[in-house]
Protein backbone atom coordinates (compact mmCIF):
# COMPACT_ATOMS: atom_id res chain seq x y z
CA MET A 1 71.40 130.00 170.85
CA ARG A 2 70.73 126.72 172.78
CA LEU A 3 74.22 126.85 174.33
CA HIS A 4 73.64 130.48 175.38
CA THR A 5 70.30 129.62 177.06
CA LEU A 6 71.77 126.56 178.83
CA ALA A 7 74.69 128.51 180.21
CA LEU A 8 72.42 131.32 181.44
CA SER A 9 70.05 128.83 183.17
CA THR A 10 72.97 127.10 184.90
CA LEU A 11 74.33 130.43 186.11
CA ILE A 12 70.96 131.52 187.55
CA LEU A 13 70.36 128.15 189.30
CA SER A 14 73.88 128.10 190.73
CA ILE A 15 73.55 131.65 192.12
CA ALA A 16 70.12 130.87 193.58
CA ARG A 17 71.42 127.90 195.65
CA PRO A 18 74.47 129.24 197.54
CA THR A 19 72.71 129.29 200.92
CA CYS A 20 72.07 125.57 200.66
CA ALA A 21 75.78 124.92 200.52
CA PHE A 22 76.21 126.10 204.11
CA THR A 23 73.41 123.97 205.65
CA PRO A 24 74.96 121.36 207.91
CA SER A 25 74.61 117.77 206.77
CA ILE A 26 72.67 115.36 208.88
CA GLN A 27 75.03 112.93 210.60
CA SER A 28 74.00 109.72 212.20
CA THR A 29 73.85 110.15 215.99
CA ARG A 30 75.68 107.70 218.18
CA VAL A 31 73.31 105.39 220.14
CA VAL A 32 74.20 105.42 223.85
CA SER A 33 73.14 102.58 226.04
CA THR A 34 70.86 103.53 228.98
CA LYS A 35 72.89 101.32 231.21
CA ALA A 36 76.06 103.38 230.70
CA SER A 37 77.32 105.62 233.48
CA PRO A 38 76.47 109.34 233.41
CA LYS A 39 80.15 110.17 233.02
CA LYS A 40 80.50 108.04 229.88
CA MET A 41 77.23 109.39 228.45
CA LYS A 42 78.56 112.90 228.82
CA GLN A 43 81.84 111.87 227.15
CA HIS A 44 79.95 110.39 224.15
CA GLU A 45 77.82 113.49 223.79
CA GLU A 46 80.96 115.70 223.70
CA GLU A 47 82.58 113.45 221.06
CA GLY A 48 79.44 113.51 218.91
CA SER A 49 79.20 117.29 219.06
CA PHE A 50 82.84 117.71 218.07
CA ASN A 51 82.46 115.28 215.15
CA ASN A 52 79.25 116.93 213.94
CA VAL A 53 80.79 120.40 214.01
CA ALA A 54 83.93 119.35 212.09
CA THR A 55 82.10 117.29 209.50
CA SER A 56 79.43 119.94 208.94
CA ALA A 57 82.05 122.63 208.42
CA ALA A 58 83.99 120.53 205.90
CA ASN A 59 80.86 119.53 203.96
CA SER A 60 79.61 123.11 203.84
CA ILE A 61 82.89 124.39 202.42
CA GLN A 62 83.04 121.55 199.88
CA GLN A 63 79.45 122.17 198.67
CA ALA A 64 80.11 125.90 198.39
CA THR A 65 83.25 125.19 196.33
CA LYS A 66 81.28 122.92 193.98
CA GLY A 67 78.59 125.56 193.65
CA PHE A 68 81.08 128.26 192.66
CA ALA A 69 82.85 125.81 190.32
CA SER A 70 79.58 125.23 188.47
CA ILE A 71 79.04 129.02 188.39
CA PHE A 72 82.55 129.47 187.00
CA ALA A 73 82.01 126.84 184.28
CA ALA A 74 78.60 128.22 183.32
CA SER A 75 80.01 131.73 183.10
CA THR A 76 82.81 130.50 180.88
CA ILE A 77 80.30 128.85 178.54
CA PHE A 78 78.07 131.92 178.60
CA ILE A 79 80.92 134.28 177.67
CA ALA A 80 82.24 131.92 174.99
CA ALA A 81 78.77 131.65 173.44
CA SER A 82 78.22 135.41 173.40
CA THR A 83 81.70 136.39 172.17
CA PRO A 84 81.82 137.05 168.40
CA ALA A 85 84.55 135.48 166.34
CA GLY A 86 87.82 137.41 166.24
CA ILE A 87 86.99 139.91 169.10
CA GLY A 88 89.25 139.33 172.10
CA SER A 89 88.49 135.65 172.29
CA THR A 90 91.07 133.83 174.44
CA PHE A 91 89.34 130.46 174.63
CA VAL A 92 91.05 127.39 173.18
CA GLU A 93 89.33 125.82 170.21
CA PRO A 94 88.22 122.19 170.89
CA VAL A 95 90.21 119.38 169.35
CA TYR A 96 87.21 118.21 167.37
CA ALA A 97 86.82 121.56 165.60
CA ALA A 98 86.62 121.40 161.83
CA THR A 99 90.03 121.42 160.19
CA ALA A 100 90.82 122.09 156.57
CA PRO A 101 91.14 118.88 154.52
CA PRO A 102 94.61 118.03 153.22
CA PRO A 103 95.33 119.24 149.69
CA THR A 104 94.56 116.64 147.08
CA THR A 105 97.25 115.89 144.53
CA THR A 106 96.18 114.97 141.02
CA THR A 107 98.51 113.09 138.73
CA ALA A 108 98.34 114.04 135.07
CA THR A 109 97.71 111.08 132.81
CA THR A 110 99.31 111.19 129.39
CA LYS A 111 97.00 110.01 126.65
CA LYS A 112 98.44 107.84 123.92
CA PRO A 113 98.14 109.30 120.43
CA ALA A 114 95.28 107.75 118.48
CA VAL A 115 96.38 105.33 115.80
CA PRO A 116 95.00 106.45 112.39
CA VAL A 117 92.49 104.00 110.93
CA ASP A 118 93.22 102.78 107.40
CA PRO A 119 89.99 103.05 105.35
CA LEU A 120 91.29 100.32 103.01
CA ALA A 121 92.24 97.94 105.82
CA ALA A 122 89.53 95.40 104.92
CA GLU A 123 90.45 95.34 101.21
CA LYS A 124 94.19 95.08 101.98
CA ALA A 125 93.52 92.30 104.47
CA ALA A 126 91.48 90.46 101.82
CA VAL A 127 94.36 90.74 99.32
CA GLU A 128 96.89 89.49 101.90
CA SER A 129 94.57 86.63 102.86
CA ALA A 130 94.09 85.66 99.18
CA LYS A 131 97.86 85.77 98.55
CA SER A 132 98.47 83.68 101.66
CA SER A 133 95.89 81.12 100.46
CA LEU A 134 97.52 81.09 97.00
CA SER A 135 100.95 80.54 98.51
CA ALA A 136 99.61 77.65 100.59
CA ALA A 137 97.81 76.19 97.53
CA THR A 138 100.96 76.44 95.39
CA ALA A 139 102.93 74.65 98.11
CA GLU A 140 100.30 71.88 98.18
CA VAL A 141 100.49 71.57 94.36
CA GLY A 142 104.27 71.13 94.62
CA LYS A 143 103.84 68.44 97.26
CA ALA A 144 101.11 66.65 95.23
CA LYS A 145 103.26 66.84 92.08
CA LYS A 146 106.19 65.22 93.88
CA VAL A 147 103.94 62.50 95.31
CA LEU A 148 102.47 61.89 91.83
CA GLY A 149 105.96 61.65 90.29
CA ASP A 150 107.04 59.14 92.94
CA ALA A 151 103.83 57.15 92.39
CA ASN A 152 104.36 57.08 88.60
CA ILE A 153 107.94 55.89 89.09
CA GLY A 154 106.67 53.15 91.42
CA PHE A 155 103.98 52.14 88.93
CA THR A 156 106.54 52.04 86.05
CA LYS A 157 108.83 49.85 88.11
CA ALA A 158 105.91 47.54 88.99
CA SER A 159 104.85 47.38 85.33
CA ASP A 160 108.40 46.53 84.25
CA ALA A 161 108.56 43.84 86.91
CA THR A 162 105.23 42.43 85.69
CA SER A 163 106.47 42.39 82.07
CA ALA A 164 109.66 40.64 83.13
CA ALA A 165 107.68 38.06 85.11
CA ASP A 166 105.35 37.54 82.16
CA ARG A 167 108.29 36.91 79.84
CA LYS A 168 109.74 34.54 82.37
CA VAL A 169 106.47 32.56 82.45
CA VAL A 170 106.43 32.38 78.63
CA ALA A 171 110.01 31.14 78.60
CA ALA A 172 109.17 28.58 81.31
CA LYS A 173 106.21 27.31 79.29
CA LYS A 174 108.37 26.99 76.14
CA ALA A 175 111.01 25.09 78.12
CA LEU A 176 108.35 22.76 79.55
CA ILE A 177 106.90 22.09 76.06
CA THR A 178 110.35 21.40 74.64
CA ALA A 179 111.17 19.06 77.53
CA ASN A 180 107.83 17.24 77.08
CA ASP A 181 108.45 16.85 73.33
CA LYS A 182 111.92 15.40 73.91
CA LEU A 183 110.54 13.07 76.59
CA ALA A 184 107.81 11.85 74.17
CA ASP A 185 110.44 11.13 71.46
CA ALA A 186 112.61 9.25 73.95
CA LYS A 187 109.67 7.18 75.17
CA ALA A 188 108.78 6.33 71.53
CA LYS A 189 112.34 5.08 70.94
CA GLU A 190 112.15 3.05 74.15
CA SER A 191 108.88 1.47 73.09
CA LYS A 192 110.54 0.27 69.81
CA GLY A 193 113.11 -1.67 71.81
CA ASP A 194 115.95 0.79 71.82
CA MET A 195 117.54 0.10 75.22
CA SER A 196 119.89 3.06 74.95
CA ALA A 197 116.90 5.45 75.16
CA LEU A 198 116.05 4.30 78.76
CA LYS A 199 118.62 6.53 80.40
CA GLU A 200 117.56 9.45 78.19
CA VAL A 201 113.92 9.00 79.27
CA GLU A 202 114.91 9.11 82.93
CA SER A 203 117.06 12.22 82.37
CA LEU A 204 114.34 13.99 80.39
CA ALA A 205 111.70 13.10 83.05
CA VAL A 206 113.79 14.95 85.63
CA LYS A 207 114.10 17.94 83.32
CA VAL A 208 110.29 17.97 82.71
CA GLY A 209 109.70 18.02 86.49
CA SER A 210 112.21 20.82 86.91
CA ALA A 211 110.53 22.75 84.05
CA ARG A 212 107.12 22.35 85.76
CA ASP A 213 108.52 23.67 89.05
CA SER A 214 110.13 26.58 87.24
CA LEU A 215 106.82 27.39 85.51
CA LYS A 216 104.91 27.32 88.83
CA SER A 217 107.51 29.62 90.42
CA SER A 218 107.38 32.01 87.45
CA GLU A 219 103.56 32.09 87.53
CA LYS A 220 103.65 32.85 91.27
CA GLU A 221 106.13 35.68 90.68
CA LEU A 222 103.89 36.98 87.88
CA SER A 223 100.86 36.96 90.19
CA GLU A 224 102.77 38.84 92.90
CA ALA A 225 104.08 41.33 90.34
CA LYS A 226 100.55 41.95 89.06
CA ASP A 227 99.31 42.56 92.64
CA LYS A 228 102.11 45.09 93.19
CA GLN A 229 101.31 46.69 89.84
CA ARG A 230 97.62 47.06 90.79
CA ALA A 231 98.58 48.56 94.17
CA ALA A 232 101.04 50.96 92.51
CA GLY A 233 98.36 51.85 89.95
CA LYS A 234 95.91 52.72 92.77
CA VAL A 235 98.55 54.86 94.53
CA ALA A 236 99.29 56.62 91.23
CA ALA A 237 95.55 57.15 90.59
CA ASP A 238 95.08 58.62 94.11
CA ALA A 239 98.14 60.83 93.65
CA ASN A 240 96.80 62.02 90.31
CA SER A 241 93.42 62.81 91.90
CA SER A 242 95.11 64.73 94.73
CA PHE A 243 97.24 66.62 92.22
CA SER A 244 94.10 67.55 90.21
CA LYS A 245 92.33 68.79 93.38
CA ALA A 246 95.39 70.80 94.46
CA THR A 247 95.60 72.33 90.96
CA LYS A 248 91.91 73.33 91.08
CA ILE A 249 92.42 74.89 94.55
CA GLU A 250 95.43 76.81 93.22
CA ASP A 251 93.40 78.06 90.24
CA ASN A 252 90.62 79.24 92.58
CA ALA A 253 93.21 80.93 94.83
CA LYS A 254 94.64 82.74 91.79
CA LYS A 255 91.14 83.91 90.88
CA ASN A 256 90.56 85.11 94.47
CA VAL A 257 93.84 87.07 94.39
CA SER A 258 92.79 88.70 91.12
CA THR A 259 89.34 89.52 92.51
CA ALA A 260 90.72 90.94 95.81
CA THR A 261 93.33 93.00 93.92
CA GLY A 262 90.61 94.40 91.65
CA LYS A 263 88.43 95.33 94.64
CA LEU A 264 91.40 97.05 96.31
CA SER A 265 92.13 99.03 93.15
CA THR A 266 88.48 100.11 92.89
CA ALA A 267 88.39 101.06 96.58
CA GLN A 268 91.61 103.11 96.20
CA LYS A 269 90.10 105.07 93.31
CA LYS A 270 86.87 105.67 95.23
CA LEU A 271 88.85 106.71 98.35
CA ALA A 272 90.87 109.21 96.30
CA GLU A 273 87.65 110.75 94.96
CA ASN A 274 86.11 110.92 98.45
CA GLN A 275 89.26 112.48 99.90
CA LYS A 276 89.21 115.12 97.20
CA LYS A 277 85.55 115.90 97.93
CA GLU A 278 86.26 115.96 101.69
CA ALA A 279 89.15 118.37 101.22
CA GLU A 280 86.93 120.73 99.23
CA ARG A 281 84.15 120.46 101.83
CA LYS A 282 86.63 121.07 104.68
CA LYS A 283 88.08 124.10 102.93
CA LYS A 284 84.59 125.54 102.49
CA ALA A 285 83.69 124.79 106.13
CA GLU A 286 86.88 126.48 107.39
CA LYS A 287 86.06 129.58 105.37
CA GLU A 288 82.52 129.70 106.80
CA ALA A 289 83.89 129.06 110.32
CA LYS A 290 86.32 131.99 110.02
CA GLU A 291 83.53 134.31 108.90
CA LYS A 292 81.31 133.12 111.75
CA ALA A 293 84.16 133.50 114.29
CA LYS A 294 84.73 137.07 113.11
CA LYS A 295 81.02 137.91 113.61
CA ASP A 296 80.98 136.16 117.00
CA ALA A 297 84.08 138.09 118.11
CA GLN A 298 82.43 141.40 117.22
CA ALA A 299 79.24 140.44 119.05
CA LYS A 300 81.28 139.26 122.04
CA ALA A 301 83.25 142.53 122.18
CA GLU A 302 80.03 144.56 122.18
CA LYS A 303 78.52 142.35 124.89
CA LEU A 304 81.71 142.58 126.97
CA LYS A 305 81.64 146.35 126.77
CA LYS A 306 78.02 146.38 127.91
CA ASP A 307 78.71 143.88 130.71
CA LYS A 308 81.61 145.98 131.99
CA LYS A 309 79.31 148.97 132.39
CA ILE A 310 76.77 146.84 134.26
CA GLU A 311 79.51 145.30 136.43
CA LYS A 312 80.94 148.72 137.28
CA LYS A 313 77.54 149.95 138.41
CA ARG A 314 76.95 146.77 140.43
CA LYS A 315 80.32 147.07 142.18
CA GLU A 316 79.61 150.70 143.12
CA GLU A 317 76.28 149.67 144.66
CA GLU A 318 77.92 146.75 146.47
CA ALA A 319 80.67 149.02 147.80
CA LYS A 320 78.04 151.36 149.28
CA LYS A 321 76.17 148.45 150.86
CA LYS A 322 79.42 146.99 152.20
CA ALA A 323 80.51 150.30 153.73
CA LYS A 324 77.12 150.59 155.47
CA ALA A 325 77.27 146.97 156.66
CA ASP A 326 80.87 147.38 157.90
CA LYS A 327 79.89 150.44 159.92
CA LYS A 328 77.00 148.58 161.51
CA ALA A 329 79.18 145.52 162.17
CA LYS A 330 81.81 147.67 163.91
CA GLU A 331 79.13 149.18 166.16
CA ILE A 332 77.81 145.72 167.03
CA ALA A 333 81.36 144.43 167.60
CA ALA A 334 82.19 147.34 169.90
CA LYS A 335 79.03 146.72 171.94
CA LYS A 336 79.75 143.01 172.17
CA ALA A 337 83.35 143.75 173.18
CA GLN A 338 82.04 145.84 176.08
CA ASP A 339 79.72 143.02 177.12
CA VAL A 340 82.56 140.54 176.95
CA ALA A 341 84.83 142.77 179.06
CA LYS A 342 82.08 143.07 181.65
CA LYS A 343 81.50 139.34 181.72
CA GLU A 344 85.22 138.68 181.98
CA GLN A 345 85.34 140.91 185.07
CA GLU A 346 82.44 138.97 186.57
CA LEU A 347 84.23 135.75 185.73
CA LYS A 348 87.40 137.01 187.42
CA LYS A 349 85.39 137.84 190.58
CA LEU A 350 83.87 134.37 190.55
CA ALA A 351 87.33 132.85 190.15
CA ASN A 352 88.56 134.85 193.19
CA LYS A 353 85.57 133.66 195.21
CA LYS A 354 86.30 130.10 194.18
CA ALA A 355 89.92 130.47 195.32
CA GLU A 356 88.75 131.88 198.70
CA LEU A 357 86.33 128.99 199.15
CA GLU A 358 89.07 126.47 198.30
CA ARG A 359 91.32 128.11 200.93
CA ALA A 360 88.44 127.98 203.44
CA GLU A 361 87.92 124.31 202.62
CA ARG A 362 91.60 123.59 203.22
CA ASP A 363 91.49 125.52 206.54
CA ALA A 364 88.34 123.66 207.60
CA ALA A 365 89.99 120.33 206.75
CA ALA A 366 93.02 121.32 208.83
CA LYS A 367 90.77 122.36 211.74
CA ALA A 368 88.82 119.10 211.46
CA LYS A 369 92.08 117.16 211.60
CA THR A 370 93.15 119.17 214.66
CA LEU A 371 89.79 118.50 216.33
CA GLU A 372 90.14 114.80 215.62
CA LEU A 373 93.54 114.83 217.34
CA VAL A 374 92.11 116.70 220.32
CA ILE A 375 89.18 114.28 220.54
CA SER A 376 91.48 111.28 220.36
CA LYS A 377 93.62 112.72 223.16
CA GLU A 378 90.55 113.38 225.32
CA LYS A 379 89.35 109.84 224.67
CA ALA A 380 92.69 108.53 225.81
CA GLU A 381 92.48 110.70 228.98
CA LEU A 382 88.95 109.45 229.71
CA GLN A 383 89.98 105.84 229.31
CA LYS A 384 92.68 106.21 232.00
CA PRO A 385 91.61 104.85 235.46
CA VAL A 386 90.46 107.51 237.93
CA LYS A 387 92.69 107.84 241.04
CA LYS A 388 90.75 107.54 244.25
């Protein structure tokens, strides 16, 4: 509606101003010095008149052409605004007209099948965990048993070494006592004046010294053997303690396996009972659903029958209304088509007038160019010296 009003206003204003297009434009007049000769003043006046006439003619034709161009454009807009869609419309649709959006492609996504949930997953996991703990505990018992066996062997060896060292000390003590007794007897003989006993005393003194050294060495070995025996006893005691702890852990793991297995068995029995109850409930629900579906289908068939009657009546009424509306629309379209044909004729006349004005403008420009040539020639003639 706004476009229609704007076009109509432009058309009226353009038609109302054509006379202004032919008014001559005001040109600046050439200033002539008062000291110039009368002949030159006359020559300047003639040049100014020629220039004014040519320029005025060209400007008038150009303004008239612009006026008819605006009339032509306004008429085009006016006819386009008043032409209904699909009735003899020959105008090109603008590039910014609404275009249909490109079709959207949707890619189907395939859903992965749902993994069934095991209702006994927790109980089974508990059994597996208990068995895994038992297996680990049994392995630790085996390791602790081996360590304990090695420790007992080490302790037995240390004990045997201690016993051997102890026997060695006893033997060394007996040897020292025997040597001391023999040395005392030899010294007694020497004190009685038996000169042959002197060498025996010296020999026995050396043996007593050797027996003392042997006793000290045996006692040192015994002390070292006892230290090793104590250390081996501590290792064996620690190994025994570790073995006892590992055995207790294994016993507890066995109990846990028994407990977890019992819980799994109980859960399996309970699940079987629940599944049986669920199957009975589902069977009953399916039976009720079938009965309900049968009733719903009957009700739906009755409703569909009723809706078809209503729809048939509604379509008949709509067909009558549509026929009436189509008749009225055809009358309106025919009237608008007449108006459009009339306006197209007016537009054609305006286009012809525009073409005539453009030709007149070209002719005026050619005449102006010719006048300029004539004026330039006359100027050249006037500038020539006058023969006396």
